[in-house]
Amino acid sequence: MLDQETTLITPALLATGQTYSEFREMTVRLVEENKTTGPNQSESYLNYTKMNLQRMNRWDKTIKVSPELEKLVASISSPQVWLVISEAWCGDGAQTIPFMAKLAALNPMINLRILMRDENPELMDAYLTEGARSIPILIALSGDLSKELFVWGPRPQFLQNRLKAYKLDPQNITSKEFSDGTHLWYARDKNKAIAEELTPLIAETI
């Protein structure tokens, strides 16, 4: 099955993507220069980027993949492309992309690349979440880019439901308090939710 969206993802577009290492190195440079990706260079977005670098540093040192999921990923025998749409300032990206990268590193058949949302509006608009350009989005494709295997994102389902509820009724919780609660949840969850959600999606590709 050739999905309409995959016609947007060409070898030329993929070549503009970054590896996780390159994305990390770019984020380090941006923090040193007091900049971030995208057009919004506000103080808050600069601070998000600095915090995200710390989050990625922490996850890179502490992520653990279960033996079951490690075995599943290792069993992928045909080339796959894992294309992630994100930005350096994206908090959910900093919490989840390190785990995606850890999985991709387990099997040379997986080619993970990261594209910036605001540099690729046409692609982003093909993967909206309830009409919003929410990120990160992970698009798994066959190695020749002809078939979409699965899509995940922009955050674990629990957090997506929590955000929906907050938008309907903030219950006097400030946006900062809500954001702090989100990142506390990520710290306590230790990638269990994303692992549980990705496992059946990966299994279907084998």
Foldseek 3Di string as FASTA:
>chain_A
DFDPLLVVPAPVNQVPFDQVVVVLVVLVVCLVVQAWDDDDSDPLLSVLLVVLNVLLVVCLPDADDDPVLLVLLQPDDFAKEKEKEAISSDPLCSLPVSVVNVSQVSYVSYHYTYDYCVVCVVSQCVPADVRHSADTKIWMAGPNSRGTQDIDDDHQPVVVVVVVVCVVPVPPQDPVNNVVVVVVCSVVCSCPRVSVVVRVSSNSND
